[in-house]
PDB file of N, CA and C in Angstrom:
ATOM      1  N   UNK A   1       9.624   7.391 -28.641  1.00  0.00           N
ATOM      2  CA  UNK A   1       9.250   7.881 -27.219  1.00  0.00           C
ATOM      3  C   UNK A   1       9.699   6.821 -25.995  1.00  0.00           C
ATOM      4  N   UNK A   2      10.256   7.262 -24.749  1.00  0.00           N
ATOM      5  CA  UNK A   2      10.337   6.921 -23.905  1.00  0.00           C
ATOM      6  C   UNK A   2       9.061   6.125 -23.144  1.00  0.00           C
ATOM      7  N   UNK A   3       9.072   4.973 -22.759  1.00  0.00           N
ATOM      8  CA  UNK A   3       8.018   4.417 -22.128  1.00  0.00           C
ATOM      9  C   UNK A   3       8.463   3.951 -20.744  1.00  0.00           C
ATOM     10  N   UNK A   4       7.977   4.310 -19.549  1.00  0.00           N
ATOM     11  CA  UNK A   4       8.204   4.197 -18.052  1.00  0.00           C
ATOM     12  C   UNK A   4       8.300   2.646 -17.936  1.00  0.00           C
ATOM     13  N   UNK A   5       7.477   1.934 -18.536  1.00  0.00           N
ATOM     14  CA  UNK A   5       7.318   0.200 -18.032  1.00  0.00           C
ATOM     15  C   UNK A   5       8.374  -0.438 -19.235  1.00  0.00           C
ATOM     16  N   UNK A   6       9.310   0.115 -19.502  1.00  0.00           N
ATOM     17  CA  UNK A   6      10.126  -0.630 -20.425  1.00  0.00           C
ATOM     18  C   UNK A   6      10.454  -1.939 -20.008  1.00  0.00           C
ATOM     19  N   UNK A   7      10.495  -2.890 -21.008  1.00  0.00           N
ATOM     20  CA  UNK A   7      11.104  -4.277 -20.949  1.00  0.00           C
ATOM     21  C   UNK A   7       9.712  -5.191 -20.718  1.00  0.00           C
ATOM     22  N   UNK A   8       8.481  -4.839 -21.112  1.00  0.00           N
ATOM     23  CA  UNK A   8       7.331  -5.596 -20.638  1.00  0.00           C
ATOM     24  C   UNK A   8       6.056  -4.903 -20.903  1.00  0.00           C
ATOM     25  N   UNK A   9       4.962  -5.755 -20.311  1.00  0.00           N
ATOM     26  CA  UNK A   9       3.547  -5.065 -20.599  1.00  0.00           C
ATOM     27  C   UNK A   9       3.616  -4.147 -19.659  1.00  0.00           C
ATOM     28  N   UNK A  10       2.660  -3.203 -19.949  1.00  0.00           N
ATOM     29  CA  UNK A  10       2.315  -2.095 -19.261  1.00  0.00           C
ATOM     30  C   UNK A  10       1.574  -2.706 -17.733  1.00  0.00           C
ATOM     31  N   UNK A  11       1.172  -2.075 -16.646  1.00  0.00           N
ATOM     32  CA  UNK A  11       0.645  -2.785 -15.646  1.00  0.00           C
ATOM     33  C   UNK A  11      -0.733  -2.648 -15.821  1.00  0.00           C
ATOM     34  N   UNK A  12      -1.670  -3.450 -14.843  1.00  0.00           N
ATOM     35  CA  UNK A  12      -3.070  -3.763 -15.340  1.00  0.00           C
ATOM     36  C   UNK A  12      -3.701  -2.652 -14.988  1.00  0.00           C
ATOM     37  N   UNK A  13      -4.989  -2.652 -15.384  1.00  0.00           N
ATOM     38  CA  UNK A  13      -5.783  -1.449 -14.806  1.00  0.00           C
ATOM     39  C   UNK A  13      -6.020  -1.607 -13.131  1.00  0.00           C
ATOM     40  N   UNK A  14      -6.014  -2.775 -12.802  1.00  0.00           N
ATOM     41  CA  UNK A  14      -6.357  -3.036 -11.336  1.00  0.00           C
ATOM     42  C   UNK A  14      -4.943  -2.695 -10.555  1.00  0.00           C
ATOM     43  N   UNK A  15      -3.949  -3.087 -11.033  1.00  0.00           N
ATOM     44  CA  UNK A  15      -2.770  -2.560 -10.133  1.00  0.00           C
ATOM     45  C   UNK A  15      -2.618  -1.187 -10.415  1.00  0.00           C
ATOM     46  N   UNK A  16      -2.986  -0.134 -11.253  1.00  0.00           N
ATOM     47  CA  UNK A  16      -2.939   1.164 -11.403  1.00  0.00           C
ATOM     48  C   UNK A  16      -4.011   1.743 -10.422  1.00  0.00           C
ATOM     49  N   UNK A  17      -4.788   1.243 -10.433  1.00  0.00           N
ATOM     50  CA  UNK A  17      -6.166   1.859  -9.617  1.00  0.00           C
ATOM     51  C   UNK A  17      -5.815   1.534  -8.066  1.00  0.00           C
ATOM     52  N   UNK A  18      -4.954   0.249  -7.710  1.00  0.00           N
ATOM     53  CA  UNK A  18      -4.604   0.118  -6.307  1.00  0.00           C
ATOM     54  C   UNK A  18      -3.221   1.001  -6.055  1.00  0.00           C
ATOM     55  N   UNK A  19      -2.570   1.509  -7.115  1.00  0.00           N
ATOM     56  CA  UNK A  19      -1.379   2.300  -6.657  1.00  0.00           C
ATOM     57  C   UNK A  19      -2.147   3.809  -6.658  1.00  0.00           C
ATOM     58  N   UNK A  20      -3.031   4.212  -7.418  1.00  0.00           N
ATOM     59  CA  UNK A  20      -3.870   5.740  -7.386  1.00  0.00           C
ATOM     60  C   UNK A  20      -4.401   5.689  -6.058  1.00  0.00           C
ATOM     61  N   UNK A  21      -5.022   4.738  -5.621  1.00  0.00           N
ATOM     62  CA  UNK A  21      -5.721   4.610  -4.101  1.00  0.00           C
ATOM     63  C   UNK A  21      -4.697   4.914  -3.182  1.00  0.00           C
ATOM     64  N   UNK A  22      -3.541   4.326  -2.965  1.00  0.00           N
ATOM     65  CA  UNK A  22      -2.555   4.427  -2.299  1.00  0.00           C
ATOM     66  C   UNK A  22      -1.941   5.713  -2.211  1.00  0.00           C
ATOM     67  N   UNK A  23      -1.538   6.331  -3.324  1.00  0.00           N
ATOM     68  CA  UNK A  23      -1.151   7.401  -3.279  1.00  0.00           C
ATOM     69  C   UNK A  23      -1.822   8.676  -2.878  1.00  0.00           C
ATOM     70  N   UNK A  24      -2.921   8.501  -2.922  1.00  0.00           N
ATOM     71  CA  UNK A  24      -4.303   9.592  -2.732  1.00  0.00           C
ATOM     72  C   UNK A  24      -4.369   9.311  -1.379  1.00  0.00           C
ATOM     73  N   UNK A  25      -4.394   7.903  -0.676  1.00  0.00           N
ATOM     74  CA  UNK A  25      -4.499   7.668   0.959  1.00  0.00           C
ATOM     75  C   UNK A  25      -3.342   8.758   1.364  1.00  0.00           C
ATOM     76  N   UNK A  26      -2.055   8.394   1.018  1.00  0.00           N
ATOM     77  CA  UNK A  26      -0.917   9.206   1.767  1.00  0.00           C
ATOM     78  C   UNK A  26      -1.375  10.526   1.704  1.00  0.00           C
ATOM     79  N   UNK A  27      -1.717  11.039   0.604  1.00  0.00           N
ATOM     80  CA  UNK A  27      -1.860  12.546   0.560  1.00  0.00           C
ATOM     81  C   UNK A  27      -2.952  13.150   1.233  1.00  0.00           C
ATOM     82  N   UNK A  28      -4.054  12.311   1.767  1.00  0.00           N
ATOM     83  CA  UNK A  28      -5.055  12.479   2.388  1.00  0.00           C
ATOM     84  C   UNK A  28      -4.339  12.745   3.797  1.00  0.00           C
ATOM     85  N   UNK A  29      -3.610  11.654   4.199  1.00  0.00           N
ATOM     86  CA  UNK A  29      -3.232  11.600   5.525  1.00  0.00           C
ATOM     87  C   UNK A  29      -2.190  12.762   5.995  1.00  0.00           C
ATOM     88  N   UNK A  30      -1.657  13.168   4.991  1.00  0.00           N
ATOM     89  CA  UNK A  30      -0.737  14.447   5.206  1.00  0.00           C
ATOM     90  C   UNK A  30      -1.754  15.646   5.225  1.00  0.00           C
ATOM     91  N   UNK A  31      -2.580  15.711   4.616  1.00  0.00           N
ATOM     92  CA  UNK A  31      -3.370  16.945   4.635  1.00  0.00           C
ATOM     93  C   UNK A  31      -4.573  16.840   6.035  1.00  0.00           C
ATOM     94  N   UNK A  32      -4.422  15.515   6.732  1.00  0.00           N
ATOM     95  CA  UNK A  32      -5.150  15.674   7.727  1.00  0.00           C
ATOM     96  C   UNK A  32      -4.220  15.971   9.033  1.00  0.00           C
ATOM     97  N   UNK A  33      -2.477  16.008   8.605  1.00  0.00           N
ATOM     98  CA  UNK A  33      -1.773  16.446   9.575  1.00  0.00           C
ATOM     99  C   UNK A  33      -1.298  15.057  10.607  1.00  0.00           C
ATOM    100  N   UNK A  34      -1.780  13.652  10.041  1.00  0.00           N
ATOM    101  CA  UNK A  34      -1.287  12.466  10.778  1.00  0.00           C
ATOM    102  C   UNK A  34       0.322  12.856  10.589  1.00  0.00           C
ATOM    103  N   UNK A  35       0.805  12.962   9.435  1.00  0.00           N
ATOM    104  CA  UNK A  35       2.228  12.964   9.028  1.00  0.00           C
ATOM    105  C   UNK A  35       2.605  14.146   8.683  1.00  0.00           C
ATOM    106  N   UNK A  36       3.901  14.373   9.003  1.00  0.00           N
ATOM    107  CA  UNK A  36       4.700  15.706   8.873  1.00  0.00           C
ATOM    108  C   UNK A  36       5.552  15.879   7.680  1.00  0.00           C
ATOM    109  N   UNK A  37       4.865  15.423   6.436  1.00  0.00           N
ATOM    110  CA  UNK A  37       5.800  15.140   5.405  1.00  0.00           C
ATOM    111  C   UNK A  37       6.738  16.431   4.806  1.00  0.00           C
ATOM    112  N   UNK A  38       7.523  16.192   4.134  1.00  0.00           N
ATOM    113  CA  UNK A  38       8.525  17.241   3.537  1.00  0.00           C
ATOM    114  C   UNK A  38       7.810  17.648   2.417  1.00  0.00           C
ATOM    115  N   UNK A  39       7.586  18.894   1.674  1.00  0.00           N
ATOM    116  CA  UNK A  39       7.114  19.106   0.471  1.00  0.00           C
ATOM    117  C   UNK A  39       7.805  18.119  -0.639  1.00  0.00           C
ATOM    118  N   UNK A  40       8.930  17.636  -0.628  1.00  0.00           N
ATOM    119  CA  UNK A  40       9.495  16.613  -1.566  1.00  0.00           C
ATOM    120  C   UNK A  40       8.731  15.612  -1.521  1.00  0.00           C
ATOM    121  N   UNK A  41       8.066  14.984  -0.433  1.00  0.00           N
ATOM    122  CA  UNK A  41       7.261  13.877  -0.318  1.00  0.00           C
ATOM    123  C   UNK A  41       5.751  14.129  -0.815  1.00  0.00           C
ATOM    124  N   UNK A  42       5.426  15.302  -0.530  1.00  0.00           N
ATOM    125  CA  UNK A  42       3.977  15.794  -1.366  1.00  0.00           C
ATOM    126  C   UNK A  42       3.926  15.978  -2.530  1.00  0.00           C
ATOM    127  N   UNK A  43       5.253  16.138  -3.186  1.00  0.00           N
ATOM    128  CA  UNK A  43       5.251  16.391  -4.488  1.00  0.00           C
ATOM    129  C   UNK A  43       5.533  15.314  -5.387  1.00  0.00           C
ATOM    130  N   UNK A  44       5.971  14.080  -4.786  1.00  0.00           N
ATOM    131  CA  UNK A  44       6.338  12.946  -5.122  1.00  0.00           C
ATOM    132  C   UNK A  44       5.066  12.057  -5.224  1.00  0.00           C
ATOM    133  N   UNK A  45       4.570  12.236  -4.206  1.00  0.00           N
ATOM    134  CA  UNK A  45       3.134  11.316  -4.123  1.00  0.00           C
ATOM    135  C   UNK A  45       2.183  11.962  -5.081  1.00  0.00           C
ATOM    136  N   UNK A  46       2.163  13.448  -5.496  1.00  0.00           N
ATOM    137  CA  UNK A  46       1.195  13.882  -6.216  1.00  0.00           C
ATOM    138  C   UNK A  46       1.499  13.425  -7.791  1.00  0.00           C
ATOM    139  N   UNK A  47       2.861  13.536  -7.734  1.00  0.00           N
ATOM    140  CA  UNK A  47       3.323  13.283  -9.076  1.00  0.00           C
ATOM    141  C   UNK A  47       3.173  11.959  -9.723  1.00  0.00           C
ATOM    142  N   UNK A  48       3.379  10.968  -8.691  1.00  0.00           N
ATOM    143  CA  UNK A  48       2.883   9.449  -8.870  1.00  0.00           C
ATOM    144  C   UNK A  48       1.607   9.075  -9.283  1.00  0.00           C
ATOM    145  N   UNK A  49       0.859   9.658  -8.272  1.00  0.00           N
ATOM    146  CA  UNK A  49      -0.651   9.620  -8.466  1.00  0.00           C
ATOM    147  C   UNK A  49      -1.094  10.120  -9.985  1.00  0.00           C
ATOM    148  N   UNK A  50      -0.617  11.370 -10.268  1.00  0.00           N
ATOM    149  CA  UNK A  50      -0.756  11.795 -11.721  1.00  0.00           C
ATOM    150  C   UNK A  50      -0.520  10.882 -12.874  1.00  0.00           C
ATOM    151  N   UNK A  51       0.820  10.522 -12.715  1.00  0.00           N
ATOM    152  CA  UNK A  51       1.378   9.376 -13.806  1.00  0.00           C
ATOM    153  C   UNK A  51       0.664   8.328 -13.896  1.00  0.00           C
ATOM    154  N   UNK A  52      -0.092   7.707 -12.753  1.00  0.00           N
ATOM    155  CA  UNK A  52      -0.696   6.544 -12.731  1.00  0.00           C
ATOM    156  C   UNK A  52      -2.261   6.790 -13.376  1.00  0.00           C
ATOM    157  N   UNK A  53      -2.690   8.004 -13.040  1.00  0.00           N
ATOM    158  CA  UNK A  53      -3.898   8.361 -13.771  1.00  0.00           C
ATOM    159  C   UNK A  53      -4.161   8.460 -15.288  1.00  0.00           C
ATOM    160  N   UNK A  54      -2.915   8.933 -15.602  1.00  0.00           N
ATOM    161  CA  UNK A  54      -2.608   9.224 -16.837  1.00  0.00           C
ATOM    162  C   UNK A  54      -2.662   8.039 -18.047  1.00  0.00           C
ATOM    163  N   UNK A  55      -1.837   7.241 -17.227  1.00  0.00           N
ATOM    164  CA  UNK A  55      -1.513   5.605 -17.725  1.00  0.00           C
ATOM    165  C   UNK A  55      -2.634   5.043 -17.788  1.00  0.00           C
ATOM    166  N   UNK A  56      -3.335   5.092 -16.620  1.00  0.00           N
ATOM    167  CA  UNK A  56      -4.781   4.449 -16.567  1.00  0.00           C
ATOM    168  C   UNK A  56      -5.813   4.844 -17.618  1.00  0.00           C
ATOM    169  N   UNK A  57      -5.894   6.051 -17.993  1.00  0.00           N
ATOM    170  CA  UNK A  57      -6.558   6.278 -19.209  1.00  0.00           C
ATOM    171  C   UNK A  57      -6.100   6.071 -20.687  1.00  0.00           C
ATOM    172  N   UNK A  58      -4.825   6.238 -20.714  1.00  0.00           N
ATOM    173  CA  UNK A  58      -4.252   5.451 -21.780  1.00  0.00           C
ATOM    174  C   UNK A  58      -4.351   4.073 -22.077  1.00  0.00           C
ATOM    175  N   UNK A  59      -4.132   3.327 -20.956  1.00  0.00           N
ATOM    176  CA  UNK A  59      -4.506   1.861 -20.954  1.00  0.00           C
ATOM    177  C   UNK A  59      -5.849   1.574 -21.539  1.00  0.00           C
ATOM    178  N   UNK A  60      -6.903   2.511 -20.955  1.00  0.00           N
ATOM    179  CA  UNK A  60      -8.283   2.085 -21.221  1.00  0.00           C
ATOM    180  C   UNK A  60      -8.523   2.552 -22.643  1.00  0.00           C
ATOM    181  N   UNK A  61      -7.932   3.457 -23.190  1.00  0.00           N
ATOM    182  CA  UNK A  61      -7.866   3.617 -24.521  1.00  0.00           C
ATOM    183  C   UNK A  61      -7.267   2.675 -25.607  1.00  0.00           C
ATOM    184  N   UNK A  62      -6.546   1.838 -24.946  1.00  0.00           N
ATOM    185  CA  UNK A  62      -5.683   1.315 -25.920  1.00  0.00           C
ATOM    186  C   UNK A  62      -4.412   1.572 -26.283  1.00  0.00           C
ATOM    187  N   UNK A  63      -4.027   2.648 -25.600  1.00  0.00           N
ATOM    188  CA  UNK A  63      -2.684   3.225 -26.212  1.00  0.00           C
ATOM    189  C   UNK A  63      -1.849   3.531 -24.963  1.00  0.00           C
ATOM    190  N   UNK A  64      -1.117   2.828 -24.288  1.00  0.00           N
ATOM    191  CA  UNK A  64      -0.442   2.973 -23.137  1.00  0.00           C
ATOM    192  C   UNK A  64       0.846   3.711 -23.668  1.00  0.00           C
ATOM    193  N   UNK A  65       1.410   3.608 -24.786  1.00  0.00           N
ATOM    194  CA  UNK A  65       2.540   4.514 -25.330  1.00  0.00           C
ATOM    195  C   UNK A  65       2.210   5.910 -25.201  1.00  0.00           C
ATOM    196  N   UNK A  66       0.941   6.039 -25.173  1.00  0.00           N
ATOM    197  CA  UNK A  66       0.823   7.822 -25.545  1.00  0.00           C
ATOM    198  C   UNK A  66       0.332   8.087 -24.215  1.00  0.00           C
ATOM    199  N   UNK A  67       0.740   7.637 -23.020  1.00  0.00           N
ATOM    200  CA  UNK A  67       0.342   8.186 -21.605  1.00  0.00           C
ATOM    201  C   UNK A  67       0.784   9.529 -21.382  1.00  0.00           C
ATOM    202  N   UNK A  68       1.688  10.027 -22.114  1.00  0.00           N
ATOM    203  CA  UNK A  68       2.092  11.465 -21.997  1.00  0.00           C
ATOM    204  C   UNK A  68       1.269  12.357 -22.585  1.00  0.00           C
ATOM    205  N   UNK A  69       0.219  12.012 -23.421  1.00  0.00           N
ATOM    206  CA  UNK A  69      -0.681  12.997 -23.947  1.00  0.00           C
ATOM    207  C   UNK A  69      -1.955  13.178 -23.173  1.00  0.00           C
ATOM    208  N   UNK A  70      -2.195  12.500 -22.169  1.00  0.00           N
ATOM    209  CA  UNK A  70      -3.135  12.559 -21.442  1.00  0.00           C
ATOM    210  C   UNK A  70      -2.848  13.661 -20.037  1.00  0.00           C
ATOM    211  N   UNK A  71      -4.476  14.002 -19.731  1.00  0.00           N
ATOM    212  CA  UNK A  71      -4.230  15.098 -18.717  1.00  0.00           C
ATOM    213  C   UNK A  71      -4.858  14.158 -17.093  1.00  0.00           C
ATOM    214  N   UNK A  72      -4.341  14.747 -16.314  1.00  0.00           N
ATOM    215  CA  UNK A  72      -4.942  13.641 -14.981  1.00  0.00           C
ATOM    216  C   UNK A  72      -6.032  14.848 -14.607  1.00  0.00           C
TER     217      UNK A  72
END
């Protein structure tokens, strides 16, 4: 199975939580109309946030390689 974090250890829980918060802040800014994002940017931020949430759940379960099995 392909691991998105090839070549080393998965990110820490703290790092993932920071990344999730960043993407959720960006999505909230877009929702408030502070920035005029393209649909592509919205999709990208949503996908990144969802991915980090899945990986965080998998890491908490001790199975980072199985992140694709999780739901965000």
